[in-house]
Amino acid sequence: MESDDPELTILNPQLHDKPFTKVREEGELSSDEEEDVPSFQTLINISLFSYYTFQIFILLFHSFYGLISCLYQISIYSFIHLDRCSI
């Protein structure tokens, strides 16, 4: 007894002469014309690269902000100190 139903063919391979044959939907690509889909490891690498790039950007921003803040504090202290010495 052979069935023309693709779902039965997949679920019960004895009903078909080629066991475990995947039935393609209309418009679905075959194995030789599949798109280049990035692997899971590639996606992990991209996300880690993005994460570490963002962390480096934050580190540089905080370093720059700290440097500006430090220079500002030194300039205020110097201005007050020079102002007191001139009196």
PDB file of N, CA and C in Angstrom:
ATOM      1  N   MET A   1       0.853  -1.179   0.000  1.00  0.00           N
ATOM      2  CA  MET A   1       0.000   0.000   0.000  1.00  0.00           C
ATOM      3  C   MET A   1       0.894   1.237   0.000  1.00  0.00           C
ATOM      4  N   GLU A   2       0.841   2.006  -1.061  1.00  0.00           N
ATOM      5  CA  GLU A   2       1.644   3.205  -1.161  1.00  0.00           C
ATOM      6  C   GLU A   2       0.765   4.426  -0.984  1.00  0.00           C
ATOM      7  N   SER A   3       1.299   5.431  -0.299  1.00  0.00           N
ATOM      8  CA  SER A   3       0.521   6.632  -0.025  1.00  0.00           C
ATOM      9  C   SER A   3       1.130   7.806  -0.777  1.00  0.00           C
ATOM     10  N   ASP A   4       0.269   8.687  -1.276  1.00  0.00           N
ATOM     11  CA  ASP A   4       0.741   9.898  -1.942  1.00  0.00           C
ATOM     12  C   ASP A   4       0.832  11.070  -0.980  1.00  0.00           C
ATOM     13  N   ASP A   5       0.438  10.866   0.253  1.00  0.00           N
ATOM     14  CA  ASP A   5       0.476  11.934   1.253  1.00  0.00           C
ATOM     15  C   ASP A   5       1.920  12.124   1.732  1.00  0.00           C
ATOM     16  N   PRO A   6       2.516  13.343   1.530  1.00  0.00           N
ATOM     17  CA  PRO A   6       3.920  13.547   1.911  1.00  0.00           C
ATOM     18  C   PRO A   6       4.160  13.404   3.409  1.00  0.00           C
ATOM     19  N   GLU A   7       3.184  13.779   4.236  1.00  0.00           N
ATOM     20  CA  GLU A   7       3.375  13.665   5.682  1.00  0.00           C
ATOM     21  C   GLU A   7       3.478  12.206   6.094  1.00  0.00           C
ATOM     22  N   LEU A   8       2.660  11.355   5.505  1.00  0.00           N
ATOM     23  CA  LEU A   8       2.742   9.933   5.818  1.00  0.00           C
ATOM     24  C   LEU A   8       4.050   9.341   5.318  1.00  0.00           C
ATOM     25  N   THR A   9       4.538   9.853   4.207  1.00  0.00           N
ATOM     26  CA  THR A   9       5.802   9.365   3.668  1.00  0.00           C
ATOM     27  C   THR A   9       6.941   9.662   4.628  1.00  0.00           C
ATOM     28  N   ILE A  10       6.932  10.854   5.222  1.00  0.00           N
ATOM     29  CA  ILE A  10       7.985  11.231   6.162  1.00  0.00           C
ATOM     30  C   ILE A  10       7.846  10.443   7.462  1.00  0.00           C
ATOM     31  N   LEU A  11       6.620  10.330   7.975  1.00  0.00           N
ATOM     32  CA  LEU A  11       6.417   9.668   9.255  1.00  0.00           C
ATOM     33  C   LEU A  11       6.586   8.157   9.161  1.00  0.00           C
ATOM     34  N   ASN A  12       6.229   7.590   8.059  1.00  0.00           N
ATOM     35  CA  ASN A  12       6.300   6.142   7.905  1.00  0.00           C
ATOM     36  C   ASN A  12       7.063   5.825   6.623  1.00  0.00           C
ATOM     37  N   PRO A  13       8.384   5.676   6.713  1.00  0.00           N
ATOM     38  CA  PRO A  13       9.183   5.505   5.500  1.00  0.00           C
ATOM     39  C   PRO A  13       8.924   4.195   4.770  1.00  0.00           C
ATOM     40  N   GLN A  14       8.290   3.226   5.413  1.00  0.00           N
ATOM     41  CA  GLN A  14       8.006   1.973   4.729  1.00  0.00           C
ATOM     42  C   GLN A  14       6.982   2.168   3.616  1.00  0.00           C
ATOM     43  N   LEU A  15       6.235   3.255   3.674  1.00  0.00           N
ATOM     44  CA  LEU A  15       5.232   3.514   2.654  1.00  0.00           C
ATOM     45  C   LEU A  15       5.847   4.068   1.370  1.00  0.00           C
ATOM     46  N   HIS A  16       7.127   4.332   1.403  1.00  0.00           N
ATOM     47  CA  HIS A  16       7.789   4.940   0.256  1.00  0.00           C
ATOM     48  C   HIS A  16       9.023   4.119  -0.090  1.00  0.00           C
ATOM     49  N   ASP A  17       9.385   4.084  -1.364  1.00  0.00           N
ATOM     50  CA  ASP A  17      10.544   3.286  -1.744  1.00  0.00           C
ATOM     51  C   ASP A  17      11.864   3.935  -1.337  1.00  0.00           C
ATOM     52  N   LYS A  18      11.891   5.251  -1.093  1.00  0.00           N
ATOM     53  CA  LYS A  18      13.078   5.932  -0.592  1.00  0.00           C
ATOM     54  C   LYS A  18      12.798   6.349   0.850  1.00  0.00           C
ATOM     55  N   PRO A  19      13.314   5.647   1.825  1.00  0.00           N
ATOM     56  CA  PRO A  19      13.011   6.008   3.214  1.00  0.00           C
ATOM     57  C   PRO A  19      13.630   7.346   3.604  1.00  0.00           C
ATOM     58  N   PHE A  20      12.925   8.025   4.461  1.00  0.00           N
ATOM     59  CA  PHE A  20      13.345   9.311   5.033  1.00  0.00           C
ATOM     60  C   PHE A  20      13.606  10.364   3.963  1.00  0.00           C
ATOM     61  N   THR A  21      12.826  10.369   2.919  1.00  0.00           N
ATOM     62  CA  THR A  21      12.933  11.392   1.887  1.00  0.00           C
ATOM     63  C   THR A  21      12.168  12.619   2.345  1.00  0.00           C
ATOM     64  N   LYS A  22      12.848  13.739   2.314  1.00  0.00           N
ATOM     65  CA  LYS A  22      12.185  14.977   2.711  1.00  0.00           C
ATOM     66  C   LYS A  22      11.445  15.530   1.503  1.00  0.00           C
ATOM     67  N   VAL A  23      10.193  15.849   1.704  1.00  0.00           N
ATOM     68  CA  VAL A  23       9.388  16.402   0.624  1.00  0.00           C
ATOM     69  C   VAL A  23       9.535  17.917   0.662  1.00  0.00           C
ATOM     70  N   ARG A  24       9.953  18.471  -0.474  1.00  0.00           N
ATOM     71  CA  ARG A  24      10.138  19.922  -0.538  1.00  0.00           C
ATOM     72  C   ARG A  24       8.810  20.608  -0.784  1.00  0.00           C
ATOM     73  N   GLU A  25       8.654  21.737  -0.099  1.00  0.00           N
ATOM     74  CA  GLU A  25       7.495  22.585  -0.364  1.00  0.00           C
ATOM     75  C   GLU A  25       7.776  23.377  -1.639  1.00  0.00           C
ATOM     76  N   GLU A  26       6.746  23.938  -2.207  1.00  0.00           N
ATOM     77  CA  GLU A  26       6.913  24.725  -3.420  1.00  0.00           C
ATOM     78  C   GLU A  26       7.692  25.994  -3.091  1.00  0.00           C
ATOM     79  N   GLY A  27       8.722  26.288  -3.844  1.00  0.00           N
ATOM     80  CA  GLY A  27       9.548  27.463  -3.614  1.00  0.00           C
ATOM     81  C   GLY A  27      10.703  27.204  -2.668  1.00  0.00           C
ATOM     82  N   GLU A  28      10.767  26.034  -2.057  1.00  0.00           N
ATOM     83  CA  GLU A  28      11.848  25.704  -1.138  1.00  0.00           C
ATOM     84  C   GLU A  28      13.086  25.331  -1.950  1.00  0.00           C
ATOM     85  N   LEU A  29      14.246  25.718  -1.450  1.00  0.00           N
ATOM     86  CA  LEU A  29      15.485  25.458  -2.167  1.00  0.00           C
ATOM     87  C   LEU A  29      15.954  24.031  -1.917  1.00  0.00           C
ATOM     88  N   SER A  30      16.528  23.422  -2.932  1.00  0.00           N
ATOM     89  CA  SER A  30      17.097  22.092  -2.737  1.00  0.00           C
ATOM     90  C   SER A  30      18.470  22.226  -2.094  1.00  0.00           C
ATOM     91  N   SER A  31      19.074  21.110  -1.760  1.00  0.00           N
ATOM     92  CA  SER A  31      20.343  21.145  -1.026  1.00  0.00           C
ATOM     93  C   SER A  31      21.463  21.777  -1.845  1.00  0.00           C
ATOM     94  N   ASP A  32      21.431  21.645  -3.168  1.00  0.00           N
ATOM     95  CA  ASP A  32      22.498  22.222  -3.971  1.00  0.00           C
ATOM     96  C   ASP A  32      22.305  23.710  -4.240  1.00  0.00           C
ATOM     97  N   GLU A  33      21.150  24.248  -3.959  1.00  0.00           N
ATOM     98  CA  GLU A  33      20.922  25.675  -4.176  1.00  0.00           C
ATOM     99  C   GLU A  33      20.522  26.397  -2.883  1.00  0.00           C
ATOM    100  N   GLU A  34      20.951  25.847  -1.733  1.00  0.00           N
ATOM    101  CA  GLU A  34      20.635  26.478  -0.456  1.00  0.00           C
ATOM    102  C   GLU A  34      21.388  27.792  -0.325  1.00  0.00           C
ATOM    103  N   GLU A  35      20.780  28.705   0.424  1.00  0.00           N
ATOM    104  CA  GLU A  35      21.423  29.983   0.684  1.00  0.00           C
ATOM    105  C   GLU A  35      22.545  29.781   1.696  1.00  0.00           C
ATOM    106  N   ASP A  36      23.484  30.709   1.714  1.00  0.00           N
ATOM    107  CA  ASP A  36      24.541  30.655   2.718  1.00  0.00           C
ATOM    108  C   ASP A  36      23.996  31.208   4.022  1.00  0.00           C
ATOM    109  N   VAL A  37      23.639  30.320   4.906  1.00  0.00           N
ATOM    110  CA  VAL A  37      23.115  30.712   6.209  1.00  0.00           C
ATOM    111  C   VAL A  37      24.258  30.594   7.201  1.00  0.00           C
ATOM    112  N   PRO A  38      24.524  31.661   7.985  1.00  0.00           N
ATOM    113  CA  PRO A  38      25.634  31.578   8.933  1.00  0.00           C
ATOM    114  C   PRO A  38      25.371  30.513   9.994  1.00  0.00           C
ATOM    115  N   SER A  39      26.436  29.849  10.396  1.00  0.00           N
ATOM    116  CA  SER A  39      26.295  28.811  11.410  1.00  0.00           C
ATOM    117  C   SER A  39      26.081  29.448  12.780  1.00  0.00           C
ATOM    118  N   PHE A  40      25.684  28.615  13.715  1.00  0.00           N
ATOM    119  CA  PHE A  40      25.439  29.092  15.077  1.00  0.00           C
ATOM    120  C   PHE A  40      26.724  29.639  15.689  1.00  0.00           C
ATOM    121  N   GLN A  41      27.863  28.990  15.428  1.00  0.00           N
ATOM    122  CA  GLN A  41      29.141  29.456  15.966  1.00  0.00           C
ATOM    123  C   GLN A  41      29.503  30.821  15.387  1.00  0.00           C
ATOM    124  N   THR A  42      29.204  31.046  14.114  1.00  0.00           N
ATOM    125  CA  THR A  42      29.466  32.344  13.501  1.00  0.00           C
ATOM    126  C   THR A  42      28.634  33.428  14.161  1.00  0.00           C
ATOM    127  N   LEU A  43      27.378  33.126  14.448  1.00  0.00           N
ATOM    128  CA  LEU A  43      26.525  34.103  15.122  1.00  0.00           C
ATOM    129  C   LEU A  43      27.033  34.407  16.523  1.00  0.00           C
ATOM    130  N   ILE A  44      27.523  33.393  17.227  1.00  0.00           N
ATOM    131  CA  ILE A  44      28.094  33.617  18.560  1.00  0.00           C
ATOM    132  C   ILE A  44      29.331  34.496  18.451  1.00  0.00           C
ATOM    133  N   ASN A  45      30.190  34.220  17.468  1.00  0.00           N
ATOM    134  CA  ASN A  45      31.402  35.022  17.293  1.00  0.00           C
ATOM    135  C   ASN A  45      31.065  36.476  16.983  1.00  0.00           C
ATOM    136  N   ILE A  46      30.077  36.697  16.142  1.00  0.00           N
ATOM    137  CA  ILE A  46      29.677  38.065  15.805  1.00  0.00           C
ATOM    138  C   ILE A  46      29.131  38.779  17.033  1.00  0.00           C
ATOM    139  N   SER A  47      28.311  38.094  17.825  1.00  0.00           N
ATOM    140  CA  SER A  47      27.734  38.735  19.005  1.00  0.00           C
ATOM    141  C   SER A  47      28.809  39.020  20.049  1.00  0.00           C
ATOM    142  N   LEU A  48      29.775  38.100  20.217  1.00  0.00           N
ATOM    143  CA  LEU A  48      30.865  38.356  21.164  1.00  0.00           C
ATOM    144  C   LEU A  48      31.731  39.513  20.694  1.00  0.00           C
ATOM    145  N   PHE A  49      32.009  39.575  19.393  1.00  0.00           N
ATOM    146  CA  PHE A  49      32.787  40.689  18.860  1.00  0.00           C
ATOM    147  C   PHE A  49      32.069  42.010  19.108  1.00  0.00           C
ATOM    148  N   SER A  50      30.748  42.032  18.885  1.00  0.00           N
ATOM    149  CA  SER A  50      29.973  43.247  19.121  1.00  0.00           C
ATOM    150  C   SER A  50      29.994  43.625  20.597  1.00  0.00           C
ATOM    151  N   TYR A  51      29.857  42.623  21.469  1.00  0.00           N
ATOM    152  CA  TYR A  51      29.845  42.875  22.912  1.00  0.00           C
ATOM    153  C   TYR A  51      31.176  43.468  23.370  1.00  0.00           C
ATOM    154  N   TYR A  52      32.291  42.842  22.955  1.00  0.00           N
ATOM    155  CA  TYR A  52      33.593  43.335  23.389  1.00  0.00           C
ATOM    156  C   TYR A  52      33.926  44.681  22.756  1.00  0.00           C
ATOM    157  N   THR A  53      33.499  44.918  21.539  1.00  0.00           N
ATOM    158  CA  THR A  53      33.699  46.231  20.925  1.00  0.00           C
ATOM    159  C   THR A  53      32.956  47.297  21.714  1.00  0.00           C
ATOM    160  N   PHE A  54      31.735  46.992  22.119  1.00  0.00           N
ATOM    161  CA  PHE A  54      30.957  47.930  22.924  1.00  0.00           C
ATOM    162  C   PHE A  54      31.629  48.168  24.273  1.00  0.00           C
ATOM    163  N   GLN A  55      32.149  47.111  24.896  1.00  0.00           N
ATOM    164  CA  GLN A  55      32.821  47.258  26.189  1.00  0.00           C
ATOM    165  C   GLN A  55      34.073  48.125  26.055  1.00  0.00           C
ATOM    166  N   ILE A  56      34.825  47.959  24.983  1.00  0.00           N
ATOM    167  CA  ILE A  56      36.013  48.787  24.761  1.00  0.00           C
ATOM    168  C   ILE A  56      35.608  50.239  24.556  1.00  0.00           C
ATOM    169  N   PHE A  57      34.526  50.470  23.817  1.00  0.00           N
ATOM    170  CA  PHE A  57      34.038  51.830  23.624  1.00  0.00           C
ATOM    171  C   PHE A  57      33.663  52.466  24.966  1.00  0.00           C
ATOM    172  N   ILE A  58      32.964  51.725  25.815  1.00  0.00           N
ATOM    173  CA  ILE A  58      32.583  52.239  27.139  1.00  0.00           C
ATOM    174  C   ILE A  58      33.826  52.529  27.973  1.00  0.00           C
ATOM    175  N   LEU A  59      34.816  51.633  27.931  1.00  0.00           N
ATOM    176  CA  LEU A  59      36.055  51.838  28.679  1.00  0.00           C
ATOM    177  C   LEU A  59      36.771  53.103  28.209  1.00  0.00           C
ATOM    178  N   LEU A  60      36.865  53.295  26.901  1.00  0.00           N
ATOM    179  CA  LEU A  60      37.514  54.497  26.374  1.00  0.00           C
ATOM    180  C   LEU A  60      36.738  55.754  26.743  1.00  0.00           C
ATOM    181  N   PHE A  61      35.419  55.675  26.701  1.00  0.00           N
ATOM    182  CA  PHE A  61      34.602  56.825  27.066  1.00  0.00           C
ATOM    183  C   PHE A  61      34.819  57.197  28.529  1.00  0.00           C
ATOM    184  N   HIS A  62      34.809  56.185  29.404  1.00  0.00           N
ATOM    185  CA  HIS A  62      35.019  56.469  30.826  1.00  0.00           C
ATOM    186  C   HIS A  62      36.427  56.992  31.080  1.00  0.00           C
ATOM    187  N   SER A  63      37.416  56.476  30.370  1.00  0.00           N
ATOM    188  CA  SER A  63      38.786  56.964  30.528  1.00  0.00           C
ATOM    189  C   SER A  63      38.884  58.418  30.087  1.00  0.00           C
ATOM    190  N   PHE A  64      38.292  58.734  28.951  1.00  0.00           N
ATOM    191  CA  PHE A  64      38.311  60.107  28.455  1.00  0.00           C
ATOM    192  C   PHE A  64      37.568  61.036  29.415  1.00  0.00           C
ATOM    193  N   TYR A  65      36.413  60.582  29.898  1.00  0.00           N
ATOM    194  CA  TYR A  65      35.634  61.378  30.846  1.00  0.00           C
ATOM    195  C   TYR A  65      36.419  61.587  32.143  1.00  0.00           C
ATOM    196  N   GLY A  66      37.093  60.544  32.628  1.00  0.00           N
ATOM    197  CA  GLY A  66      37.903  60.661  33.842  1.00  0.00           C
ATOM    198  C   GLY A  66      39.058  61.622  33.646  1.00  0.00           C
ATOM    199  N   LEU A  67      39.698  61.575  32.481  1.00  0.00           N
ATOM    200  CA  LEU A  67      40.810  62.478  32.195  1.00  0.00           C
ATOM    201  C   LEU A  67      40.331  63.926  32.160  1.00  0.00           C
ATOM    202  N   ILE A  68      39.227  64.178  31.486  1.00  0.00           N
ATOM    203  CA  ILE A  68      38.679  65.537  31.425  1.00  0.00           C
ATOM    204  C   ILE A  68      38.282  66.014  32.819  1.00  0.00           C
ATOM    205  N   SER A  69      37.652  65.137  33.595  1.00  0.00           N
ATOM    206  CA  SER A  69      37.240  65.496  34.948  1.00  0.00           C
ATOM    207  C   SER A  69      38.454  65.809  35.818  1.00  0.00           C
ATOM    208  N   CYS A  70      39.501  64.996  35.684  1.00  0.00           N
ATOM    209  CA  CYS A  70      40.719  65.215  36.463  1.00  0.00           C
ATOM    210  C   CYS A  70      41.373  66.546  36.080  1.00  0.00           C
ATOM    211  N   LEU A  71      41.473  66.820  34.792  1.00  0.00           N
ATOM    212  CA  LEU A  71      42.059  68.090  34.350  1.00  0.00           C
ATOM    213  C   LEU A  71      41.223  69.279  34.815  1.00  0.00           C
ATOM    214  N   TYR A  72      39.921  69.122  34.812  1.00  0.00           N
ATOM    215  CA  TYR A  72      39.039  70.182  35.290  1.00  0.00           C
ATOM    216  C   TYR A  72      39.273  70.438  36.779  1.00  0.00           C
ATOM    217  N   GLN A  73      39.373  69.373  37.560  1.00  0.00           N
ATOM    218  CA  GLN A  73      39.609  69.532  38.996  1.00  0.00           C
ATOM    219  C   GLN A  73      40.959  70.191  39.259  1.00  0.00           C
ATOM    220  N   ILE A  74      41.989  69.803  38.495  1.00  0.00           N
ATOM    221  CA  ILE A  74      43.314  70.412  38.658  1.00  0.00           C
ATOM    222  C   ILE A  74      43.261  71.887  38.302  1.00  0.00           C
ATOM    223  N   SER A  75      42.549  72.230  37.233  1.00  0.00           N
ATOM    224  CA  SER A  75      42.483  73.636  36.834  1.00  0.00           C
ATOM    225  C   SER A  75      41.719  74.460  37.871  1.00  0.00           C
ATOM    226  N   ILE A  76      40.655  73.929  38.435  1.00  0.00           N
ATOM    227  CA  ILE A  76      39.911  74.648  39.476  1.00  0.00           C
ATOM    228  C   ILE A  76      40.785  74.818  40.713  1.00  0.00           C
ATOM    229  N   TYR A  77      41.479  73.737  41.114  1.00  0.00           N
ATOM    230  CA  TYR A  77      42.345  73.812  42.293  1.00  0.00           C
ATOM    231  C   TYR A  77      43.464  74.823  42.060  1.00  0.00           C
ATOM    232  N   SER A  78      44.070  74.801  40.862  1.00  0.00           N
ATOM    233  CA  SER A  78      45.147  75.736  40.554  1.00  0.00           C
ATOM    234  C   SER A  78      44.630  77.166  40.560  1.00  0.00           C
ATOM    235  N   PHE A  79      43.449  77.381  40.013  1.00  0.00           N
ATOM    236  CA  PHE A  79      42.882  78.722  39.978  1.00  0.00           C
ATOM    237  C   PHE A  79      42.629  79.230  41.397  1.00  0.00           C
ATOM    238  N   ILE A  80      42.057  78.399  42.259  1.00  0.00           N
ATOM    239  CA  ILE A  80      41.790  78.814  43.645  1.00  0.00           C
ATOM    240  C   ILE A  80      43.103  79.041  44.376  1.00  0.00           C
ATOM    241  N   HIS A  81      44.088  78.146  44.168  1.00  0.00           N
ATOM    242  CA  HIS A  81      45.375  78.274  44.844  1.00  0.00           C
ATOM    243  C   HIS A  81      46.094  79.546  44.394  1.00  0.00           C
ATOM    244  N   LEU A  82      46.098  79.822  43.097  1.00  0.00           N
ATOM    245  CA  LEU A  82      46.742  81.032  42.597  1.00  0.00           C
ATOM    246  C   LEU A  82      46.003  82.275  43.070  1.00  0.00           C
ATOM    247  N   ASP A  83      44.690  82.186  43.166  1.00  0.00           N
ATOM    248  CA  ASP A  83      43.904  83.316  43.628  1.00  0.00           C
ATOM    249  C   ASP A  83      44.224  83.623  45.084  1.00  0.00           C
ATOM    250  N   ARG A  84      44.402  82.606  45.901  1.00  0.00           N
ATOM    251  CA  ARG A  84      44.729  82.820  47.315  1.00  0.00           C
ATOM    252  C   ARG A  84      46.141  83.360  47.468  1.00  0.00           C
ATOM    253  N   CYS A  85      47.067  82.909  46.626  1.00  0.00           N
ATOM    254  CA  CYS A  85      48.444  83.373  46.736  1.00  0.00           C
ATOM    255  C   CYS A  85      48.574  84.833  46.312  1.00  0.00           C
ATOM    256  N   SER A  86      47.722  85.273  45.430  1.00  0.00           N
ATOM    257  CA  SER A  86      47.848  86.643  44.944  1.00  0.00           C
ATOM    258  C   SER A  86      47.270  87.652  45.924  1.00  0.00           C
ATOM    259  N   ILE A  87      46.493  87.205  46.888  1.00  0.00           N
ATOM    260  CA  ILE A  87      45.882  88.154  47.841  1.00  0.00           C
ATOM    261  C   ILE A  87      46.864  88.618  48.846  1.00  0.00           C
TER     262      ILE A  87
END
